[in-house]
Amino acid sequence: MILYKYLRPARVDVLKHRRIRFTQPGDFNDPFEFRPKIRELASDAKLQEDVEEHFEQLIDDQLAKYGAITQVLPQADLKRLLAKQKPLLPALFRLLEPAAIQKLSPLIDGFFNQNVGVLC
């Protein structure tokens, strides 16, 4: 890999002694410089696609986990009842999304600060 770094001629010692620094984003003068602005976690189309792809398995997993409810209502009736709620899932996700973004942002910052170095 070839890297380019501008240095004044007087600072050629940095190259001679292999002292190039890759700076973690948290050490920048402007802490927001490397922080991405997350507006949404997924597009509406992706949400709908994921609901369609995973809904049945999610219902089966949850019914297996909380099987006691099937003693009150037959599993087929529960599945029909839950299937009627399926169109509401993307809107529910959008309601929960701001809290998820708020929790996710510090995790992303931590990941960048531990795993990314920027040559500037």
C-alpha atoms as a PDB file:
ATOM      1  CA  MET A   1       0.000   0.000   0.000  1.00  0.00           C
ATOM      2  CA  ILE A   2       1.298   3.433  -0.901  1.00  0.00           C
ATOM      3  CA  LEU A   3       0.541   6.302   1.464  1.00  0.00           C
ATOM      4  CA  TYR A   4       1.161   9.967   0.830  1.00  0.00           C
ATOM      5  CA  LYS A   5       1.818  12.456   3.612  1.00  0.00           C
ATOM      6  CA  TYR A   6       2.745  16.085   3.160  1.00  0.00           C
ATOM      7  CA  LEU A   7       5.627  17.168   5.409  1.00  0.00           C
ATOM      8  CA  ARG A   8       7.901  20.161   5.366  1.00  0.00           C
ATOM      9  CA  PRO A   9      11.469  19.241   4.386  1.00  0.00           C
ATOM     10  CA  ALA A  10      12.572  19.938   7.962  1.00  0.00           C
ATOM     11  CA  ARG A  11      10.317  17.092   9.170  1.00  0.00           C
ATOM     12  CA  VAL A  12      11.797  14.302   7.039  1.00  0.00           C
ATOM     13  CA  ASP A  13      12.853  12.726  10.366  1.00  0.00           C
ATOM     14  CA  VAL A  14       9.265  11.524  10.750  1.00  0.00           C
ATOM     15  CA  LEU A  15       9.782   9.274   7.744  1.00  0.00           C
ATOM     16  CA  LYS A  16      13.323   8.254   8.646  1.00  0.00           C
ATOM     17  CA  HIS A  17      12.266   7.126  12.119  1.00  0.00           C
ATOM     18  CA  ARG A  18       8.903   5.728  10.994  1.00  0.00           C
ATOM     19  CA  ARG A  19       6.956   7.958  13.324  1.00  0.00           C
ATOM     20  CA  ILE A  20       3.817   8.554  11.280  1.00  0.00           C
ATOM     21  CA  ARG A  21       0.765   8.745  13.502  1.00  0.00           C
ATOM     22  CA  PHE A  22      -2.623   7.323  12.635  1.00  0.00           C
ATOM     23  CA  THR A  23      -4.968   9.349  14.820  1.00  0.00           C
ATOM     24  CA  GLN A  24      -8.109   7.918  16.397  1.00  0.00           C
ATOM     25  CA  PRO A  25     -11.207   9.938  15.491  1.00  0.00           C
ATOM     26  CA  GLY A  26     -11.830  10.797  19.161  1.00  0.00           C
ATOM     27  CA  ASP A  27      -8.498  12.647  19.286  1.00  0.00           C
ATOM     28  CA  PHE A  28      -9.394  15.085  16.502  1.00  0.00           C
ATOM     29  CA  ASN A  29      -9.784  18.772  17.380  1.00  0.00           C
ATOM     30  CA  ASP A  30     -13.412  18.562  16.276  1.00  0.00           C
ATOM     31  CA  PRO A  31     -14.993  15.461  17.864  1.00  0.00           C
ATOM     32  CA  PHE A  32     -17.914  15.634  15.420  1.00  0.00           C
ATOM     33  CA  GLU A  33     -15.661  15.548  12.352  1.00  0.00           C
ATOM     34  CA  PHE A  34     -15.674  11.760  12.064  1.00  0.00           C
ATOM     35  CA  ARG A  35     -19.074  11.104  13.644  1.00  0.00           C
ATOM     36  CA  PRO A  36     -21.666  10.067  11.071  1.00  0.00           C
ATOM     37  CA  LYS A  37     -25.161  11.528  11.280  1.00  0.00           C
ATOM     38  CA  ILE A  38     -27.548   8.591  11.405  1.00  0.00           C
ATOM     39  CA  ARG A  39     -30.986   9.632  10.214  1.00  0.00           C
ATOM     40  CA  GLU A  40     -32.558   6.195   9.914  1.00  0.00           C
ATOM     41  CA  LEU A  41     -31.527   2.603  10.455  1.00  0.00           C
ATOM     42  CA  ALA A  42     -33.183   1.278   7.306  1.00  0.00           C
ATOM     43  CA  SER A  43     -35.222   2.536   4.386  1.00  0.00           C
ATOM     44  CA  ASP A  44     -38.965   1.922   4.274  1.00  0.00           C
ATOM     45  CA  ALA A  45     -38.427  -0.600   1.481  1.00  0.00           C
ATOM     46  CA  LYS A  46     -35.793  -2.483   3.510  1.00  0.00           C
ATOM     47  CA  LEU A  47     -38.051  -2.528   6.584  1.00  0.00           C
ATOM     48  CA  GLN A  48     -40.911  -3.952   4.554  1.00  0.00           C
ATOM     49  CA  GLU A  49     -38.596  -6.518   2.958  1.00  0.00           C
ATOM     50  CA  ASP A  50     -37.286  -7.625   6.373  1.00  0.00           C
ATOM     51  CA  VAL A  51     -40.798  -7.896   7.813  1.00  0.00           C
ATOM     52  CA  GLU A  52     -41.878 -10.036   4.868  1.00  0.00           C
ATOM     53  CA  GLU A  53     -38.764 -12.192   5.079  1.00  0.00           C
ATOM     54  CA  HIS A  54     -38.617 -12.780   8.837  1.00  0.00           C
ATOM     55  CA  PHE A  55     -42.146 -12.357  10.204  1.00  0.00           C
ATOM     56  CA  GLU A  56     -43.207 -16.003  10.156  1.00  0.00           C
ATOM     57  CA  GLN A  57     -39.967 -17.198  11.774  1.00  0.00           C
ATOM     58  CA  LEU A  58     -40.183 -14.478  14.424  1.00  0.00           C
ATOM     59  CA  ILE A  59     -43.728 -15.534  15.314  1.00  0.00           C
ATOM     60  CA  ASP A  60     -42.732 -19.205  15.467  1.00  0.00           C
ATOM     61  CA  ASP A  61     -39.713 -18.403  17.662  1.00  0.00           C
ATOM     62  CA  GLN A  62     -41.742 -16.275  20.062  1.00  0.00           C
ATOM     63  CA  LEU A  63     -44.557 -18.811  20.320  1.00  0.00           C
ATOM     64  CA  ALA A  64     -41.994 -21.509  21.076  1.00  0.00           C
ATOM     65  CA  LYS A  65     -40.437 -19.267  23.705  1.00  0.00           C
ATOM     66  CA  TYR A  66     -43.736 -18.285  25.334  1.00  0.00           C
ATOM     67  CA  GLY A  67     -45.685 -21.439  24.581  1.00  0.00           C
ATOM     68  CA  ALA A  68     -47.905 -21.139  27.659  1.00  0.00           C
ATOM     69  CA  ILE A  69     -50.116 -18.663  25.810  1.00  0.00           C
ATOM     70  CA  THR A  70     -51.022 -21.391  23.329  1.00  0.00           C
ATOM     71  CA  GLN A  71     -52.868 -23.117  26.183  1.00  0.00           C
ATOM     72  CA  VAL A  72     -55.320 -20.202  26.225  1.00  0.00           C
ATOM     73  CA  LEU A  73     -55.562 -19.653  22.473  1.00  0.00           C
ATOM     74  CA  PRO A  74     -54.802 -22.197  19.786  1.00  0.00           C
ATOM     75  CA  GLN A  75     -51.538 -21.499  17.984  1.00  0.00           C
ATOM     76  CA  ALA A  76     -53.272 -21.098  14.620  1.00  0.00           C
ATOM     77  CA  ASP A  77     -55.581 -18.415  16.077  1.00  0.00           C
ATOM     78  CA  LEU A  78     -52.609 -16.608  17.627  1.00  0.00           C
ATOM     79  CA  LYS A  79     -50.772 -16.637  14.313  1.00  0.00           C
ATOM     80  CA  ARG A  80     -53.818 -15.186  12.521  1.00  0.00           C
ATOM     81  CA  LEU A  81     -54.169 -12.483  15.192  1.00  0.00           C
ATOM     82  CA  LEU A  82     -50.490 -11.571  14.969  1.00  0.00           C
ATOM     83  CA  ALA A  83     -50.526 -11.644  11.165  1.00  0.00           C
ATOM     84  CA  LYS A  84     -53.133  -8.857  11.254  1.00  0.00           C
ATOM     85  CA  GLN A  85     -50.548  -6.700  13.062  1.00  0.00           C
ATOM     86  CA  LYS A  86     -47.891  -7.289  10.413  1.00  0.00           C
ATOM     87  CA  PRO A  87     -48.669  -4.115   8.391  1.00  0.00           C
ATOM     88  CA  LEU A  88     -48.091  -2.025  11.542  1.00  0.00           C
ATOM     89  CA  LEU A  89     -44.545  -3.264  12.160  1.00  0.00           C
ATOM     90  CA  PRO A  90     -42.690  -0.740   9.951  1.00  0.00           C
ATOM     91  CA  ALA A  91     -44.533   2.162  11.646  1.00  0.00           C
ATOM     92  CA  LEU A  92     -43.770   0.690  15.077  1.00  0.00           C
ATOM     93  CA  PHE A  93     -40.124   0.366  14.106  1.00  0.00           C
ATOM     94  CA  ARG A  94     -40.089   4.053  13.087  1.00  0.00           C
ATOM     95  CA  LEU A  95     -41.463   4.983  16.526  1.00  0.00           C
ATOM     96  CA  LEU A  96     -38.690   3.020  18.247  1.00  0.00           C
ATOM     97  CA  GLU A  97     -35.960   4.106  15.833  1.00  0.00           C
ATOM     98  CA  PRO A  98     -34.856   7.365  17.571  1.00  0.00           C
ATOM     99  CA  ALA A  99     -34.112   5.514  20.812  1.00  0.00           C
ATOM    100  CA  ALA A 100     -32.245   2.808  18.893  1.00  0.00           C
ATOM    101  CA  ILE A 101     -30.148   5.418  17.075  1.00  0.00           C
ATOM    102  CA  GLN A 102     -29.364   7.141  20.367  1.00  0.00           C
ATOM    103  CA  LYS A 103     -28.078   3.845  21.800  1.00  0.00           C
ATOM    104  CA  LEU A 104     -26.248   2.844  18.620  1.00  0.00           C
ATOM    105  CA  SER A 105     -24.313   6.084  18.071  1.00  0.00           C
ATOM    106  CA  PRO A 106     -21.948   5.677  21.072  1.00  0.00           C
ATOM    107  CA  LEU A 107     -21.240   2.084  20.009  1.00  0.00           C
ATOM    108  CA  ILE A 108     -20.223   3.276  16.546  1.00  0.00           C
ATOM    109  CA  ASP A 109     -18.005   5.985  18.068  1.00  0.00           C
ATOM    110  CA  GLY A 110     -16.340   3.409  20.311  1.00  0.00           C
ATOM    111  CA  PHE A 111     -15.771   1.052  17.398  1.00  0.00           C
ATOM    112  CA  PHE A 112     -14.153   3.801  15.304  1.00  0.00           C
ATOM    113  CA  ASN A 113     -11.937   4.931  18.168  1.00  0.00           C
ATOM    114  CA  GLN A 114     -10.700   1.387  18.791  1.00  0.00           C
ATOM    115  CA  ASN A 115     -10.337   0.219  15.200  1.00  0.00           C
ATOM    116  CA  VAL A 116      -9.727   3.198  12.928  1.00  0.00           C
ATOM    117  CA  GLY A 117      -6.700   5.404  12.549  1.00  0.00           C
ATOM    118  CA  VAL A 118      -6.674   8.344  10.183  1.00  0.00           C
ATOM    119  CA  LEU A 119      -3.525   9.566   8.475  1.00  0.00           C
ATOM    120  CA  CYS A 120      -3.932  13.314   8.232  1.00  0.00           C
END
